Amino acid sequence: MWTLIHGLNPEASRAKLGELKTHSSKTAEIHEFDLKKGGFAAIENLSSESLFSPKIILVIENFLANPNWTKKVVDLAHFDVVFWEGKKLTAGQLAIFKNVAPKISVLEFKEQSAKFAFLDSLAPGGQKDFLTLWISCKKEEAPESLFLLIVRQVRLLLMAHLALFDDKIAPWQKAKLEVQARKFTYRELRTCYRDLLQIDYRTKTGQSPINLETELEVFLTTF
């Protein structure tokens, strides 16, 4: 079985790679290679030694770094391989793999939209970053949608702080939220959530002298 991970969102694609490695290591021996740092010889040596070895999975990063190596992709046909490329591949590049393994699983991670980049950038003192993204978000989403996304993100960060996640959340997403949550104290997150509830109440009861978009901008500038 071959898997190819590529796309314009290397953070998410690398997180998926880590998830696959963790899962596969429970049943197989993982051998990792980065072909930007070394040649194909190490893989060829492994191939000659692996006949009587336990199940092996190759994790190969940047296989396309050297055009000469692409001619050797057929040499990997008897291995289970996970390929990772930190860019979006062209149809011609995809064909290099599909010609050898027509049933290859191709996972493309597309460029992150402004709204998700904005949510991931939320952090105390981070207005320089997330307010720029906020301007882009307003062009994509209505204030009501953005409000719900912010509430959900703060709720997830609270759960990360309290280690309340269950198995339904992907490991890579959990790890990312835990990193972001550590930028806040628990009190800061609790205050954010309380402020959002107050915005919701004022908006729904008509007690706010400003519209929801402005309410959110005031909230973000005092983050």
Protein backbone atom coordinates (compact mmCIF):
# COMPACT_ATOMS: atom_id res chain seq x y z
CA MET A 1 0.00 0.00 0.00
CA TRP A 2 1.32 3.42 -0.96
CA THR A 3 0.20 6.75 0.45
CA LEU A 4 1.20 10.12 -0.97
CA ILE A 5 0.79 13.28 1.12
CA HIS A 6 1.21 16.66 -0.57
CA GLY A 7 -0.31 20.13 -0.84
CA LEU A 8 0.03 23.81 -0.03
CA ASN A 9 -0.56 23.36 3.69
CA PRO A 10 2.65 21.69 4.92
CA GLU A 11 1.73 22.13 8.58
CA ALA A 12 -1.44 20.07 8.20
CA SER A 13 0.17 17.56 5.86
CA ARG A 14 3.10 17.01 8.23
CA ALA A 15 0.65 16.55 11.09
CA LYS A 16 -1.08 13.85 9.04
CA LEU A 17 2.29 12.24 8.37
CA GLY A 18 2.96 12.12 12.11
CA GLU A 19 -0.44 10.56 12.70
CA LEU A 20 0.23 7.83 10.11
CA LYS A 21 3.66 7.09 11.56
CA THR A 22 2.27 6.74 15.06
CA HIS A 23 -0.48 4.41 13.89
CA SER A 24 1.81 2.30 11.66
CA SER A 25 4.53 1.91 14.27
CA LYS A 26 2.20 -0.32 16.29
CA THR A 27 2.32 -3.08 13.68
CA ALA A 28 5.39 -2.43 11.56
CA GLU A 29 8.99 -1.30 11.55
CA ILE A 30 9.26 2.29 10.33
CA HIS A 31 12.26 3.44 8.28
CA GLU A 32 12.42 7.16 7.56
CA PHE A 33 14.33 8.91 4.77
CA ASP A 34 14.58 12.55 3.70
CA LEU A 35 15.98 12.60 0.18
CA LYS A 36 16.92 16.26 0.48
CA LYS A 37 19.52 15.13 3.01
CA GLY A 38 20.69 11.89 1.48
CA GLY A 39 20.72 9.74 -1.61
CA PHE A 40 18.80 6.67 -2.67
CA ALA A 41 21.56 4.26 -1.62
CA ALA A 42 20.26 3.82 1.93
CA ILE A 43 16.88 2.72 0.60
CA GLU A 44 18.52 0.33 -1.87
CA ASN A 45 20.57 -1.20 0.96
CA LEU A 46 17.42 -1.69 3.00
CA SER A 47 15.77 -3.36 0.03
CA SER A 48 18.52 -5.95 -0.23
CA GLU A 49 18.36 -6.75 3.49
CA SER A 50 14.60 -6.82 3.98
CA LEU A 51 13.63 -10.22 2.56
CA PHE A 52 13.45 -11.90 5.97
CA SER A 53 12.80 -8.76 8.04
CA PRO A 54 9.56 -7.99 9.90
CA LYS A 55 6.94 -5.87 8.14
CA ILE A 56 8.57 -2.64 7.02
CA ILE A 57 7.01 0.69 6.13
CA LEU A 58 9.11 3.32 4.41
CA VAL A 59 8.45 6.98 5.12
CA ILE A 60 10.12 9.00 2.37
CA GLU A 61 10.16 12.79 2.36
CA ASN A 62 11.05 14.85 -0.71
CA PHE A 63 11.31 11.90 -3.08
CA LEU A 64 11.07 14.32 -6.02
CA ALA A 65 14.07 16.37 -4.84
CA ASN A 66 16.26 14.73 -7.48
CA PRO A 67 14.72 13.90 -10.89
CA ASN A 68 17.12 10.96 -11.27
CA TRP A 69 15.57 9.15 -8.31
CA THR A 70 12.10 9.20 -9.83
CA LYS A 71 13.26 6.55 -12.31
CA LYS A 72 13.85 4.24 -9.35
CA VAL A 73 10.37 4.51 -7.91
CA VAL A 74 9.56 1.07 -9.34
CA ASP A 75 12.23 -0.39 -7.03
CA LEU A 76 9.93 0.41 -4.10
CA ALA A 77 6.95 -1.53 -5.45
CA HIS A 78 7.27 -4.37 -2.91
CA PHE A 79 7.30 -2.00 0.08
CA ASP A 80 4.52 -0.22 1.91
CA VAL A 81 5.49 3.44 1.46
CA VAL A 82 4.30 6.79 2.75
CA PHE A 83 5.60 9.64 0.60
CA TRP A 84 5.53 13.25 1.83
CA GLU A 85 6.06 16.29 -0.39
CA GLY A 86 5.86 19.79 1.07
CA LYS A 87 4.21 21.28 -2.00
CA LYS A 88 1.30 20.69 -4.36
CA LEU A 89 2.26 18.18 -7.04
CA THR A 90 1.40 18.56 -10.70
CA ALA A 91 -0.51 15.94 -12.65
CA GLY A 92 2.78 14.81 -14.20
CA GLN A 93 4.41 14.40 -10.80
CA LEU A 94 1.42 12.45 -9.48
CA ALA A 95 1.66 10.16 -12.50
CA ILE A 96 5.19 9.11 -11.44
CA PHE A 97 3.64 7.37 -8.45
CA LYS A 98 0.34 6.28 -10.00
CA ASN A 99 2.08 4.51 -12.89
CA VAL A 100 3.67 2.12 -10.38
CA ALA A 101 0.86 2.00 -7.83
CA PRO A 102 -2.48 2.83 -9.50
CA LYS A 103 -4.34 2.38 -6.21
CA ILE A 104 -2.08 4.77 -4.28
CA SER A 105 -3.94 6.82 -1.65
CA VAL A 106 -3.34 10.50 -2.45
CA LEU A 107 -3.98 13.01 0.35
CA GLU A 108 -3.85 16.66 -0.71
CA PHE A 109 -3.82 19.36 1.96
CA LYS A 110 -5.01 22.60 0.45
CA GLU A 111 -3.90 26.06 1.45
CA GLN A 112 -5.45 27.17 4.71
CA SER A 113 -8.25 29.68 4.31
CA ALA A 114 -8.01 33.04 6.07
CA LYS A 115 -10.62 32.13 8.68
CA PHE A 116 -8.76 29.04 9.90
CA ALA A 117 -5.42 30.83 9.85
CA PHE A 118 -7.09 33.58 11.91
CA LEU A 119 -8.46 31.12 14.49
CA ASP A 120 -5.08 29.39 14.79
CA SER A 121 -3.33 32.74 15.33
CA LEU A 122 -5.45 33.84 18.31
CA ALA A 123 -3.15 34.44 21.26
CA PRO A 124 -2.63 37.11 23.93
CA GLY A 125 -0.65 40.00 22.47
CA GLY A 126 -0.93 38.58 18.97
CA GLN A 127 -3.06 41.35 17.50
CA LYS A 128 -0.44 42.23 14.90
CA ASP A 129 -0.96 38.83 13.32
CA PHE A 130 -4.61 38.01 13.84
CA LEU A 131 -6.08 41.46 13.16
CA THR A 132 -4.55 41.40 9.68
CA LEU A 133 -6.19 38.02 9.10
CA TRP A 134 -9.42 39.35 10.58
CA ILE A 135 -9.66 41.89 7.74
CA SER A 136 -9.46 39.04 5.23
CA CYS A 137 -11.99 36.98 7.19
CA LYS A 138 -14.58 39.75 7.02
CA LYS A 139 -14.47 39.50 3.23
CA GLU A 140 -15.21 35.76 3.36
CA GLU A 141 -17.68 35.33 6.21
CA ALA A 142 -20.59 37.13 7.86
CA PRO A 143 -20.00 38.45 11.41
CA GLU A 144 -22.47 35.89 12.78
CA SER A 145 -20.45 33.02 11.30
CA LEU A 146 -17.17 34.44 12.56
CA PHE A 147 -18.64 34.87 16.03
CA LEU A 148 -19.63 31.19 16.15
CA LEU A 149 -16.17 30.14 14.92
CA ILE A 150 -14.43 32.22 17.60
CA VAL A 151 -16.71 30.81 20.32
CA ARG A 152 -15.98 27.27 19.14
CA GLN A 153 -12.23 27.91 19.07
CA VAL A 154 -12.16 29.34 22.60
CA ARG A 155 -14.24 26.39 23.80
CA LEU A 156 -11.78 23.96 22.20
CA LEU A 157 -8.85 25.79 23.79
CA LEU A 158 -10.54 25.52 27.19
CA MET A 159 -10.96 21.79 26.62
CA ALA A 160 -7.29 21.52 25.66
CA HIS A 161 -6.30 23.33 28.85
CA LEU A 162 -8.38 20.93 30.93
CA ALA A 163 -7.41 17.81 28.92
CA LEU A 164 -11.08 17.07 28.18
CA PHE A 165 -10.70 15.78 24.62
CA ASP A 166 -12.07 12.37 23.68
CA ASP A 167 -10.95 9.99 20.92
CA LYS A 168 -13.16 11.67 18.34
CA ILE A 169 -10.68 14.50 17.78
CA ALA A 170 -7.76 13.76 15.44
CA PRO A 171 -4.36 13.52 17.20
CA TRP A 172 -2.83 16.23 14.99
CA GLN A 173 -5.70 18.62 15.76
CA LYS A 174 -5.45 17.88 19.47
CA ALA A 175 -1.70 18.55 19.43
CA LYS A 176 -2.18 21.86 17.58
CA LEU A 177 -4.85 23.04 20.00
CA GLU A 178 -2.72 22.10 22.99
CA VAL A 179 0.16 24.21 21.65
CA GLN A 180 -2.17 27.18 21.12
CA ALA A 181 -3.84 26.73 24.52
CA ARG A 182 -0.48 26.95 26.28
CA LYS A 183 -0.21 30.56 25.10
CA PHE A 184 -3.11 31.40 27.42
CA THR A 185 -3.64 31.02 31.13
CA TYR A 186 -6.82 29.23 32.12
CA ARG A 187 -8.14 32.50 33.55
CA GLU A 188 -7.55 34.30 30.24
CA LEU A 189 -9.51 31.67 28.33
CA ARG A 190 -12.31 31.70 30.85
CA THR A 191 -12.50 35.50 30.59
CA CYS A 192 -12.59 35.29 26.78
CA TYR A 193 -15.45 32.82 26.91
CA ARG A 194 -17.38 34.96 29.41
CA ASP A 195 -16.89 38.06 27.22
CA LEU A 196 -18.20 36.19 24.19
CA LEU A 197 -21.28 35.08 26.10
CA GLN A 198 -21.91 38.69 27.07
CA ILE A 199 -21.58 39.80 23.45
CA ASP A 200 -24.08 37.13 22.46
CA TYR A 201 -26.53 38.24 25.14
CA ARG A 202 -26.24 41.96 24.29
CA THR A 203 -26.68 41.28 20.57
CA LYS A 204 -29.69 39.00 20.96
CA THR A 205 -31.46 41.30 23.43
CA GLY A 206 -30.77 44.49 21.51
CA GLN A 207 -28.77 46.00 24.38
CA SER A 208 -25.60 46.60 22.39
CA PRO A 209 -25.13 50.14 21.01
CA ILE A 210 -22.87 48.74 18.27
CA ASN A 211 -23.25 45.97 15.69
CA LEU A 212 -21.80 42.48 16.08
CA GLU A 213 -18.82 43.14 13.80
CA THR A 214 -17.75 46.10 15.93
CA GLU A 215 -18.37 44.12 19.13
CA LEU A 216 -15.98 41.45 17.88
CA GLU A 217 -13.35 44.01 16.89
CA VAL A 218 -13.48 45.55 20.37
CA PHE A 219 -13.15 42.03 21.82
CA LEU A 220 -10.13 41.24 19.62
CA THR A 221 -8.29 44.52 20.36
CA THR A 222 -8.54 43.83 24.11
CA PHE A 223 -7.54 40.19 23.74
